Protein backbone atom coordinates (compact mmCIF):
# COMPACT_ATOMS: atom_id res chain seq x y z
CA MET A 1 -98.53 85.42 108.30
CA THR A 2 -100.10 88.75 108.53
CA ALA A 3 -103.81 88.46 109.30
CA ILE A 4 -106.05 89.74 106.48
CA THR A 5 -109.15 91.69 107.44
CA SER A 6 -112.22 90.46 105.45
CA THR A 7 -113.73 92.79 102.90
CA ARG A 8 -116.59 90.65 101.92
CA ARG A 9 -119.24 91.95 104.48
CA VAL A 10 -118.77 95.45 105.65
CA PRO A 11 -121.37 97.07 107.78
CA CYS A 12 -122.50 100.49 106.78
CA PRO A 13 -121.72 103.07 109.47
CA HIS A 14 -123.46 105.88 107.88
CA PRO A 15 -126.24 104.66 105.53
CA ARG A 16 -127.43 107.10 102.91
CA SER A 17 -130.87 108.54 103.37
CA PRO A 18 -133.56 107.30 101.01
CA ALA A 19 -112.72 93.77 51.47
CA PRO A 20 -112.92 93.90 47.63
CA ALA A 21 -116.25 92.52 46.37
CA SER A 22 -114.76 89.23 45.57
CA ALA A 23 -113.47 88.84 48.96
CA ARG A 24 -116.77 89.89 50.57
CA SER A 25 -119.34 87.86 48.84
CA SER A 26 -120.85 86.61 52.08
CA GLY A 27 -122.93 88.58 54.55
CA ARG A 28 -121.32 86.67 57.45
CA ALA A 29 -118.05 87.55 58.81
CA SER A 30 -115.58 84.90 59.55
CA SER A 31 -115.77 83.50 63.20
CA ALA A 32 -115.31 86.49 65.42
CA PRO A 33 -112.06 86.14 67.57
CA PRO A 34 -112.96 86.91 71.15
CA SER A 35 -111.32 89.94 72.49
CA SER A 36 -108.73 89.63 75.34
CA GLY A 37 -111.05 92.00 77.15
CA THR A 38 -112.65 88.61 78.24
CA THR A 39 -109.62 87.91 80.48
CA SER A 40 -108.72 91.53 81.23
CA SER A 41 -112.17 92.31 82.66
CA SER A 42 -111.80 89.42 85.18
CA THR A 43 -109.46 91.73 87.14
CA ALA A 44 -112.07 94.37 87.87
CA PRO A 45 -114.33 92.67 90.41
CA PRO A 46 -111.41 91.27 92.51
CA ALA A 47 -109.76 94.56 92.40
CA ALA A 48 -112.71 96.18 93.98
CA LEU A 49 -113.62 93.47 96.45
CA VAL A 50 -110.56 91.52 97.66
CA PHE A 51 -107.34 93.11 96.51
CA PRO A 52 -107.39 95.79 99.11
CA ALA A 53 -107.24 93.26 101.97
CA LEU A 54 -104.91 90.75 100.22
CA PHE A 55 -102.30 93.15 98.80
CA PHE A 56 -102.67 96.29 101.11
CA PRO A 57 -103.81 95.00 104.42
CA ASP A 58 -101.92 97.61 106.50
CA GLN A 59 -103.87 100.47 104.87
CA SER A 60 -107.22 101.92 105.92
CA GLU A 61 -110.27 100.62 104.03
CA PHE A 62 -110.51 103.74 101.83
CA ALA A 63 -106.69 103.92 101.23
CA GLY A 64 -106.53 100.21 100.48
CA THR A 65 -109.28 100.47 97.90
CA LEU A 66 -107.40 103.47 96.41
CA LEU A 67 -104.26 101.52 96.05
CA SER A 68 -106.10 98.51 94.78
CA PHE A 69 -107.70 100.65 92.05
CA GLY A 70 -104.18 102.05 91.34
CA THR A 71 -102.72 98.70 90.51
CA TYR A 72 -105.73 98.18 88.18
CA ALA A 73 -105.08 101.54 86.49
CA VAL A 74 -101.27 101.06 86.04
CA GLY A 75 -101.90 98.51 83.37
CA PHE A 76 -103.43 101.10 81.15
CA ALA A 77 -100.15 102.91 80.99
CA ALA A 78 -98.77 100.23 78.83
CA ARG A 79 -101.72 100.08 76.45
CA PRO A 80 -100.65 102.98 74.11
CA ILE A 81 -97.22 101.36 73.76
CA GLY A 82 -98.82 98.03 72.92
CA ALA A 83 -101.08 99.82 70.50
CA LEU A 84 -98.10 101.20 68.66
CA VAL A 85 -96.04 98.12 68.62
CA PHE A 86 -98.76 95.69 67.70
CA GLY A 87 -100.42 98.33 65.37
CA HIS A 88 -97.17 98.72 63.36
CA PHE A 89 -96.64 95.03 62.72
CA GLY A 90 -100.32 94.46 62.24
CA ASP A 91 -100.42 96.98 59.46
CA ARG A 92 -97.25 95.56 57.93
CA ILE A 93 -97.54 91.71 58.22
CA GLY A 94 -101.21 91.12 59.06
CA ARG A 95 -103.84 91.10 61.82
CA LYS A 96 -104.02 87.29 62.61
CA LYS A 97 -100.31 86.71 63.70
CA LEU A 98 -100.44 89.65 66.17
CA LEU A 99 -103.68 88.38 67.60
CA VAL A 100 -102.15 85.07 68.57
CA ILE A 101 -99.25 86.69 70.19
CA SER A 102 -101.37 89.25 72.12
CA LEU A 103 -103.71 86.42 73.35
CA LEU A 104 -100.80 84.31 74.78
CA MET A 105 -99.33 87.46 76.53
CA MET A 106 -102.74 88.52 77.95
CA GLY A 107 -103.89 85.13 78.98
CA GLY A 108 -100.55 84.07 80.57
CA ALA A 109 -100.43 87.37 82.66
CA THR A 110 -104.07 86.89 83.74
CA PHE A 111 -103.37 83.29 84.77
CA ALA A 112 -100.23 84.28 86.64
CA ILE A 113 -102.22 86.72 88.81
CA GLY A 114 -104.13 83.71 90.14
CA LEU A 115 -100.89 82.29 91.35
CA LEU A 116 -99.65 85.45 93.09
CA PRO A 117 -98.50 85.31 96.74
CA THR A 118 -100.30 87.90 98.94
CA PHE A 119 -98.87 90.59 101.10
CA GLY A 120 -99.17 88.26 104.19
CA THR A 121 -96.74 85.82 102.50
CA VAL A 122 -94.09 87.93 100.74
CA GLY A 123 -94.79 91.44 101.92
CA VAL A 124 -94.30 94.36 99.57
CA LEU A 125 -93.24 92.03 96.79
CA ALA A 126 -96.84 90.98 96.24
CA PRO A 127 -98.13 94.37 95.04
CA ILE A 128 -94.95 94.71 92.97
CA LEU A 129 -95.61 91.42 91.17
CA LEU A 130 -99.28 92.44 90.67
CA VAL A 131 -98.32 95.73 89.00
CA THR A 132 -95.82 93.91 86.77
CA LEU A 133 -98.46 91.46 85.59
CA ARG A 134 -100.98 94.33 85.08
CA LEU A 135 -98.40 96.05 82.89
CA ILE A 136 -98.00 92.97 80.66
CA GLN A 137 -101.83 92.68 80.55
CA GLY A 138 -101.95 96.35 79.46
CA PHE A 139 -99.34 95.99 76.78
CA ALA A 140 -101.00 92.97 75.22
CA LEU A 141 -104.49 94.42 75.30
CA GLY A 142 -103.30 97.69 73.92
CA GLY A 143 -102.45 96.04 70.68
CA GLU A 144 -105.04 93.26 70.83
CA TRP A 145 -108.25 95.09 70.70
CA GLY A 146 -107.57 96.86 67.36
CA GLY A 147 -106.58 93.66 65.69
CA ALA A 148 -109.60 91.68 66.95
CA VAL A 149 -112.11 94.12 65.79
CA LEU A 150 -110.44 94.76 62.42
CA LEU A 151 -110.12 91.15 61.57
CA VAL A 152 -113.96 90.96 61.84
CA SER A 153 -114.68 94.36 60.38
CA GLU A 154 -112.59 93.67 57.29
CA HIS A 155 -114.54 90.43 56.56
CA GLY A 156 -118.11 90.25 55.26
CA LYS A 157 -120.37 92.83 53.68
CA PRO A 158 -120.40 96.53 54.81
CA GLU A 159 -124.16 96.37 55.54
CA ASN A 160 -123.55 93.96 58.32
CA ARG A 161 -120.30 95.32 59.68
CA GLY A 162 -121.73 96.80 62.77
CA PHE A 163 -123.34 93.50 63.86
CA TRP A 164 -120.46 91.21 63.23
CA SER A 165 -117.77 93.49 64.58
CA SER A 166 -119.65 93.97 67.80
CA TRP A 167 -119.02 90.39 68.69
CA PRO A 168 -115.38 90.83 69.79
CA GLN A 169 -116.72 93.68 71.81
CA ALA A 170 -118.65 91.24 73.81
CA GLY A 171 -115.43 90.04 75.29
CA ALA A 172 -115.49 92.67 78.00
CA PRO A 173 -118.95 91.98 79.38
CA ALA A 174 -118.35 88.11 78.90
CA GLY A 175 -115.27 88.35 81.03
CA ASN A 176 -117.05 90.41 83.54
CA LEU A 177 -119.90 87.88 83.61
CA LEU A 178 -117.65 84.92 83.90
CA ALA A 179 -115.45 86.39 86.59
CA THR A 180 -118.28 87.86 88.59
CA GLY A 181 -120.40 84.76 88.21
CA VAL A 182 -117.64 82.52 89.60
CA LEU A 183 -116.88 84.98 92.43
CA ALA A 184 -120.65 85.12 93.24
CA LEU A 185 -120.83 81.33 93.57
CA LEU A 186 -117.74 81.26 95.69
CA ALA A 187 -118.98 83.97 97.90
CA ALA A 188 -122.26 82.16 98.46
CA PHE A 189 -120.79 78.77 99.33
CA GLN A 190 -117.37 79.46 100.79
CA SER A 191 -116.40 80.76 104.18
CA ASP A 192 -114.68 84.15 104.24
CA ALA A 193 -111.39 82.60 105.19
CA ALA A 194 -111.47 80.03 102.19
CA PHE A 195 -112.59 82.86 99.86
CA GLU A 196 -109.66 85.08 100.75
CA SER A 197 -107.20 82.15 100.93
CA TRP A 198 -107.82 80.71 97.52
CA GLY A 199 -111.37 81.29 96.20
CA TRP A 200 -110.53 84.60 94.69
CA ARG A 201 -107.92 82.91 92.50
CA ILE A 202 -110.28 80.72 90.54
CA PRO A 203 -111.50 83.19 87.90
CA PHE A 204 -107.80 84.01 87.04
CA LEU A 205 -106.96 80.32 86.68
CA LEU A 206 -110.02 79.49 84.67
CA SER A 207 -108.71 82.06 82.19
CA ALA A 208 -106.57 79.15 80.88
CA VAL A 209 -109.72 77.63 79.34
CA LEU A 210 -110.50 80.95 77.64
CA ILE A 211 -106.90 81.13 76.19
CA LEU A 212 -107.32 77.66 74.72
CA VAL A 213 -110.68 78.48 73.17
CA GLY A 214 -109.47 81.83 71.79
CA LEU A 215 -106.30 80.35 70.47
CA PHE A 216 -108.37 77.69 68.63
CA VAL A 217 -110.63 80.30 67.06
CA ARG A 218 -107.88 82.60 66.07
CA LEU A 219 -105.73 79.92 64.51
CA ALA A 220 -108.86 78.96 62.46
CA VAL A 221 -109.76 82.41 61.26
CA SER A 222 -108.29 83.41 57.89
CA GLU A 223 -106.38 86.69 57.44
CA SER A 224 -108.36 89.80 56.44
CA PRO A 225 -108.91 89.73 52.65
CA VAL A 226 -109.11 93.65 52.74
CA PHE A 227 -105.58 93.73 54.27
CA LEU A 228 -104.20 91.14 51.85
CA GLU A 229 -105.47 93.12 48.93
CA ALA A 230 -103.98 96.39 50.29
CA GLN A 231 -100.74 94.63 51.03
CA ARG A 232 -100.57 93.47 47.36
CA VAL A 233 -101.30 96.93 45.95
CA ALA A 234 -98.73 98.42 48.34
CA ALA A 235 -96.12 95.93 47.13
CA GLU A 236 -96.92 96.70 43.44
CA LYS A 237 -96.66 100.47 44.04
CA ALA A 238 -93.48 100.01 45.94
CA ALA A 239 -92.01 98.03 43.00
CA GLU A 240 -93.10 100.73 40.55
CA THR A 241 -91.75 103.69 42.55
CA GLY A 242 -88.71 102.11 44.19
CA VAL A 243 -89.80 103.89 47.42
CA ALA A 244 -90.56 101.87 50.55
CA GLU A 245 -93.96 102.19 52.18
CA LYS A 246 -94.14 104.71 55.05
CA ALA A 247 -94.39 103.53 58.63
CA PRO A 248 -98.18 103.40 59.64
CA ILE A 249 -97.58 105.73 62.55
CA MET A 250 -96.20 108.36 60.10
CA THR A 251 -99.32 108.02 57.97
CA VAL A 252 -101.67 108.37 60.97
CA LEU A 253 -99.78 111.46 62.24
CA ALA A 254 -99.73 113.05 58.82
CA HIS A 255 -103.27 112.33 57.65
CA TYR A 256 -105.42 111.07 60.43
CA LYS A 257 -104.99 113.35 63.43
CA ARG A 258 -108.63 114.38 63.43
CA GLU A 259 -109.72 110.80 63.28
CA VAL A 260 -107.57 109.81 66.24
CA LEU A 261 -109.02 112.69 68.26
CA VAL A 262 -112.55 111.68 67.22
CA ALA A 263 -111.95 108.13 68.34
CA MET A 264 -110.43 109.33 71.58
CA GLY A 265 -113.32 111.57 72.33
CA ALA A 266 -115.86 108.96 71.38
CA ARG A 267 -114.18 106.47 73.83
CA ILE A 268 -114.21 108.78 76.97
CA ALA A 269 -117.80 108.29 78.24
CA GLU A 270 -117.85 104.57 77.07
CA ASN A 271 -114.68 103.75 78.93
CA VAL A 272 -115.31 105.71 82.07
CA SER A 273 -118.95 104.46 82.42
CA PHE A 274 -117.87 100.82 82.07
CA TYR A 275 -115.37 100.90 84.91
CA LEU A 276 -117.63 103.01 87.20
CA LEU A 277 -120.43 100.51 86.59
CA THR A 278 -118.40 97.36 86.89
CA ALA A 279 -115.72 98.20 89.40
CA PHE A 280 -116.50 101.34 91.33
CA SER A 281 -120.09 100.44 91.87
CA LEU A 282 -118.98 97.25 93.69
CA SER A 283 -116.82 99.25 96.12
CA TYR A 284 -119.60 101.83 96.59
CA LEU A 285 -122.25 99.25 97.33
CA THR A 286 -120.15 97.19 99.72
CA LYS A 287 -118.34 99.98 101.64
CA ALA A 288 -120.77 102.89 101.53
CA GLU A 289 -123.98 101.19 101.36
CA GLY A 290 -123.14 98.08 103.48
CA ALA A 291 -124.12 95.39 101.10
CA ASP A 292 -122.28 92.08 101.24
CA SER A 293 -120.26 90.79 98.42
CA SER A 294 -122.91 88.18 97.31
CA PHE A 295 -125.45 91.05 96.90
CA THR A 296 -123.11 93.17 94.76
CA LEU A 297 -121.72 90.21 92.60
CA ASN A 298 -125.16 88.81 91.94
CA ALA A 299 -126.29 92.24 90.87
CA LEU A 300 -123.43 92.66 88.55
CA VAL A 301 -123.96 89.05 87.13
CA LEU A 302 -127.45 89.82 86.03
CA ALA A 303 -126.66 93.25 84.67
CA SER A 304 -123.69 91.78 82.69
CA ALA A 305 -125.80 89.10 81.23
CA VAL A 306 -128.12 91.68 79.80
CA HIS A 307 -125.15 93.86 78.60
CA LEU A 308 -123.55 90.82 76.85
CA VAL A 309 -126.83 89.89 75.00
CA THR A 310 -127.71 93.45 73.90
CA ILE A 311 -124.21 94.54 72.49
CA PRO A 312 -124.68 92.78 69.17
CA LEU A 313 -128.22 94.25 68.96
CA TRP A 314 -126.83 97.76 69.24
CA GLY A 315 -124.24 96.89 66.58
CA ALA A 316 -127.01 95.66 64.34
CA LEU A 317 -129.09 98.73 64.90
CA SER A 318 -126.16 100.91 63.85
CA ASP A 319 -126.16 99.00 60.43
CA ARG A 320 -129.76 100.13 60.02
CA VAL A 321 -129.80 103.75 61.33
CA GLY A 322 -126.00 104.66 61.40
CA ARG A 323 -123.24 104.65 63.95
CA ARG A 324 -123.80 108.16 65.12
CA PRO A 325 -127.45 108.07 66.27
CA VAL A 326 -126.79 104.88 68.22
CA TYR A 327 -123.57 106.17 69.83
CA LEU A 328 -125.13 109.49 70.70
CA LEU A 329 -128.06 107.63 72.32
CA GLY A 330 -125.62 105.89 74.56
CA ALA A 331 -123.56 108.98 75.39
CA VAL A 332 -126.55 111.19 76.13
CA GLY A 333 -128.24 108.39 78.02
CA ILE A 334 -125.37 107.60 80.31
CA GLY A 335 -125.02 111.31 81.11
CA VAL A 336 -128.63 111.50 82.10
CA TRP A 337 -128.61 108.18 84.04
CA ALA A 338 -125.57 109.22 86.11
CA PHE A 339 -127.79 110.99 88.69
CA ALA A 340 -130.21 108.17 88.97
CA LEU A 341 -127.53 105.56 89.19
CA PHE A 342 -126.34 106.38 92.77
CA GLU A 343 -129.81 107.08 93.96
CA LEU A 344 -130.91 103.59 93.03
CA LEU A 345 -127.92 101.77 94.27
CA ASP A 346 -129.18 100.62 97.63
CA ALA A 347 -128.14 97.73 99.89
CA ASP A 348 -131.80 97.37 101.01
CA SER A 349 -133.05 96.80 97.46
CA PHE A 350 -131.39 94.15 95.38
CA TRP A 351 -133.61 94.54 92.30
CA MET A 352 -133.29 98.36 92.39
CA SER A 353 -129.54 98.03 92.41
CA VAL A 354 -129.69 95.53 89.41
CA PHE A 355 -131.89 98.00 87.61
CA ALA A 356 -129.45 100.81 88.19
CA ILE A 357 -126.42 98.93 86.84
CA THR A 358 -128.34 97.27 83.98
CA VAL A 359 -129.67 100.50 82.59
CA GLY A 360 -126.29 102.11 82.79
CA LEU A 361 -124.75 99.12 80.88
CA LEU A 362 -127.39 99.33 78.31
CA PHE A 363 -126.37 102.78 77.51
CA HIS A 364 -122.65 101.77 77.64
CA GLY A 365 -123.62 99.00 75.13
CA ALA A 366 -125.11 101.52 72.76
CA MET A 367 -121.68 103.14 72.50
CA TYR A 368 -119.66 99.91 72.68
CA GLY A 369 -121.64 97.95 70.21
CA PRO A 370 -121.14 100.15 67.07
CA GLN A 371 -117.73 101.37 68.35
CA ALA A 372 -115.64 98.73 66.55
CA ALA A 373 -117.22 99.35 63.17
CA PHE A 374 -117.16 103.16 63.66
CA PHE A 375 -113.39 103.21 64.51
CA SER A 376 -112.58 100.85 61.71
CA GLU A 377 -114.29 103.23 59.16
CA LEU A 378 -112.15 106.19 60.29
CA PHE A 379 -108.88 104.95 58.85
CA GLY A 380 -107.30 103.43 55.70
CA THR A 381 -106.36 99.81 55.56
CA LYS A 382 -102.62 100.11 55.68
CA SER A 383 -102.67 102.30 58.81
CA ARG A 384 -105.98 101.15 60.25
CA TYR A 385 -104.55 98.92 63.00
CA THR A 386 -102.27 101.74 64.22
CA GLY A 387 -104.93 104.41 63.98
CA VAL A 388 -107.67 102.41 65.79
CA GLY A 389 -105.15 101.35 68.40
CA MET A 390 -103.84 104.91 69.07
CA GLY A 391 -107.34 106.37 69.26
CA SER A 392 -108.80 103.74 71.59
CA GLN A 393 -105.79 103.23 73.85
CA LEU A 394 -104.83 106.88 74.37
CA ALA A 395 -108.35 107.36 75.47
CA SER A 396 -108.07 104.42 77.86
CA LEU A 397 -105.09 105.99 79.45
CA VAL A 398 -106.88 109.26 80.25
CA ALA A 399 -110.39 107.76 80.77
CA GLY A 400 -110.62 104.16 81.87
CA ALA A 401 -107.31 104.07 83.84
CA PRO A 402 -108.02 106.85 86.28
CA ALA A 403 -111.84 106.50 86.38
CA PRO A 404 -112.21 104.50 89.55
CA LEU A 405 -109.52 106.54 91.20
CA ILE A 406 -111.12 109.81 90.20
CA ALA A 407 -114.59 108.64 91.27
CA LEU A 408 -113.18 107.39 94.57
CA ALA A 409 -111.43 110.78 95.13
CA LEU A 410 -114.65 112.73 94.27
CA LEU A 411 -116.66 110.39 96.52
CA GLY A 412 -114.47 111.70 99.37
CA SER A 413 -115.19 109.04 101.89
CA PHE A 414 -117.37 105.90 102.37
CA GLU A 415 -119.02 107.38 105.54
CA GLU A 416 -120.34 110.57 103.91
CA PRO A 417 -120.08 109.92 100.17
CA ASN A 418 -120.47 112.80 97.70
CA THR A 419 -122.26 110.96 94.90
CA THR A 420 -123.21 114.21 93.12
CA ALA A 421 -119.64 114.88 92.31
CA VAL A 422 -119.21 111.34 90.75
CA ALA A 423 -122.30 111.90 88.72
CA LEU A 424 -121.10 115.19 87.39
CA TYR A 425 -117.84 113.56 86.42
CA LEU A 426 -119.69 111.07 84.27
CA VAL A 427 -121.75 113.90 82.83
CA ALA A 428 -118.64 115.73 81.84
CA CYS A 429 -117.34 112.70 80.08
CA ALA A 430 -120.66 112.23 78.25
CA VAL A 431 -120.43 115.77 76.97
CA VAL A 432 -116.93 115.14 75.56
CA THR A 433 -118.17 112.11 73.74
CA VAL A 434 -121.28 113.81 72.34
CA VAL A 435 -119.13 116.68 70.91
CA ALA A 436 -116.61 114.23 69.42
CA VAL A 437 -119.24 112.10 67.70
CA LEU A 438 -121.14 115.15 66.38
CA ALA A 439 -117.87 116.61 65.08
CA TYR A 440 -117.57 113.76 62.46
CA GLY A 441 -119.84 112.61 59.69
CA GLU A 442 -121.68 109.23 59.37
CA THR A 443 -119.26 106.41 58.46
CA ARG A 444 -121.70 103.51 58.00
CA SER A 445 -121.63 103.47 54.09
CA ARG A 446 -117.70 103.45 53.92
CA ASP A 447 -116.08 100.59 52.05
CA LEU A 448 -113.09 99.44 53.96
CA ALA A 449 -111.52 98.02 50.77
CA ALA A 450 -111.74 101.27 48.79
CA ASP A 451 -108.69 103.15 50.17
CA HIS A 452 -105.33 103.42 48.41
CA ALA A 453 -102.24 101.70 49.86
CA VAL A 454 -99.78 104.19 51.13
CA VAL A 455 -96.67 104.40 48.94
CA PRO A 456 -95.15 107.66 47.83
CA ARG A 457 -95.28 108.16 44.00
CA ASP A 458 -92.81 110.43 42.18
CA GLY A 459 -91.65 111.90 45.49
CA ALA A 460 -95.08 113.13 46.34
CA GLN A 461 -96.58 112.71 49.79
CA ALA A 462 -98.64 109.47 49.99
CA VAL A 463 -102.35 109.74 50.92
CA GLU A 464 -104.51 106.98 52.09
CA ARG A 465 -108.27 107.56 51.37
CA VAL A 466 -111.16 105.99 52.95
C-alpha cells in the first residue's frame, strides 16, 4: 500500500508577517424539511484537509490540494441539470415527491464516499469513484434546494416567510458544523495514522442518521397548498381551452429571464464567500500559516455554530425591513471584510482566527437567510421550482464550484501567499451581487398564491404573474 503523507500538521516554512388565504391561516410554516446541504457540506472540510493525501498522494502539497478542490468542484457541474430535471417534475407533480427522491440520492452518495477505497488501495480508481459520487451529489442537490425552500415558503403567512424559509437554509451550516465537529473530535483524540486510515470516514457514514431524520420529516410534511391551488387552476384552464400547459422551462425562458439573472447575481457573493470561509480558509490556515488541523477545525466549529443560530434571525429581519436591505448588508459587508479576513487568520492566535471566520459567516448569513424567500418571490407558482433552481444552480456552477480553485490559483503558493488577490476576488463578487440586488425591486410583500397558472387561452401566449 502506498504510504500516505500526513496533512494534519504542516509546519509553516514562510510564516506571514504580522398560499390562498384559506390555506395560509397559520403564521407558522409546516415543519421545515432540512436541506440536503446538510450532507453536501460535510464534503468540504475533508476535501480541504485529508483528500489531497488520501486520493492524490503522488502530487505536491499545492497540486494535491488543487486536485482535491477540483473533485469537490466537479459536483457542481451536475447541479444545473438536476435543477432542470427536478424543477420540471416539481412544477408538474409537486414539491414533496421530488424532495424525497433527492434526499435518498444525496444521502446515498454522501454515505458511499465514507466507504471509498483510497489511492493507496486501488490507485487511480479512487479519485474516479470520488468524482462519480460527487456528480450524483451535485445532481441531487441541484434539484433539492429549490424544492426544500419552496415547500416552506409556500406554507404559512407572507409576513413570516423570510423567517420560516430560512430554516432549510440552515442545512449548509448545520452540515458544516456536524462534519467539522466530528473531525475536530477525531483529530484531537486519534493518532495521525488512525485518522487517515478510517477517522475521516465517520462524518460521511453518520450522514445515514441525517438521511433517516430528513426522510421522516419530509414524509410528514404536507404538499404545498399554494402549489395544489395553482395545479387545480391549471387543470381547469387546460380543460376550458383544450391546450396543454407549457413546460415550466419554456415559461421561465419566455417571462423570467430577468429574474433568473437577478437570482444568479445575488448568489455570486453568497456562494463564493461560503466556500472561501469554510473550505479554502482551512487549507490556508494549515498550509500557509502552519496551524494544525485541530486548530482550524475548532475555529470553524465555533464560527459555524454562530452562523447556524443567526441565519433564521437574518430571515426574520428581512420580514421586518425587507429582503433587499438585509441582503445588501451581507454583500457589502463581505466585500469590506475580505481584506481583514486574511490579516486576522493567524496560526498564533486561535480567537483571532475564530473572529475572522465568524464575522465573515455573519455577513454570509445576511445574504443566505433571506435568500430562500427572495428567490421564491421572483417566480410564479407553476414555474417557481424551475426558476429558483435555474437561478441558484447556474450561479453555483460559475461561483461556488470554482471558488476554492480560483482562490488557490490567486494565492499562488503556500510559501509566499498573495492574499490581496484573493480578497480582491471576493470584492469583485460582492460588487456583482450588490448590482443584481439593486437592479430589482423589493419582493417582501408579494403573495405567492396570487399568480395565474400558465395555460394558453385562445392561442395567446400564457403569462404567469407574481
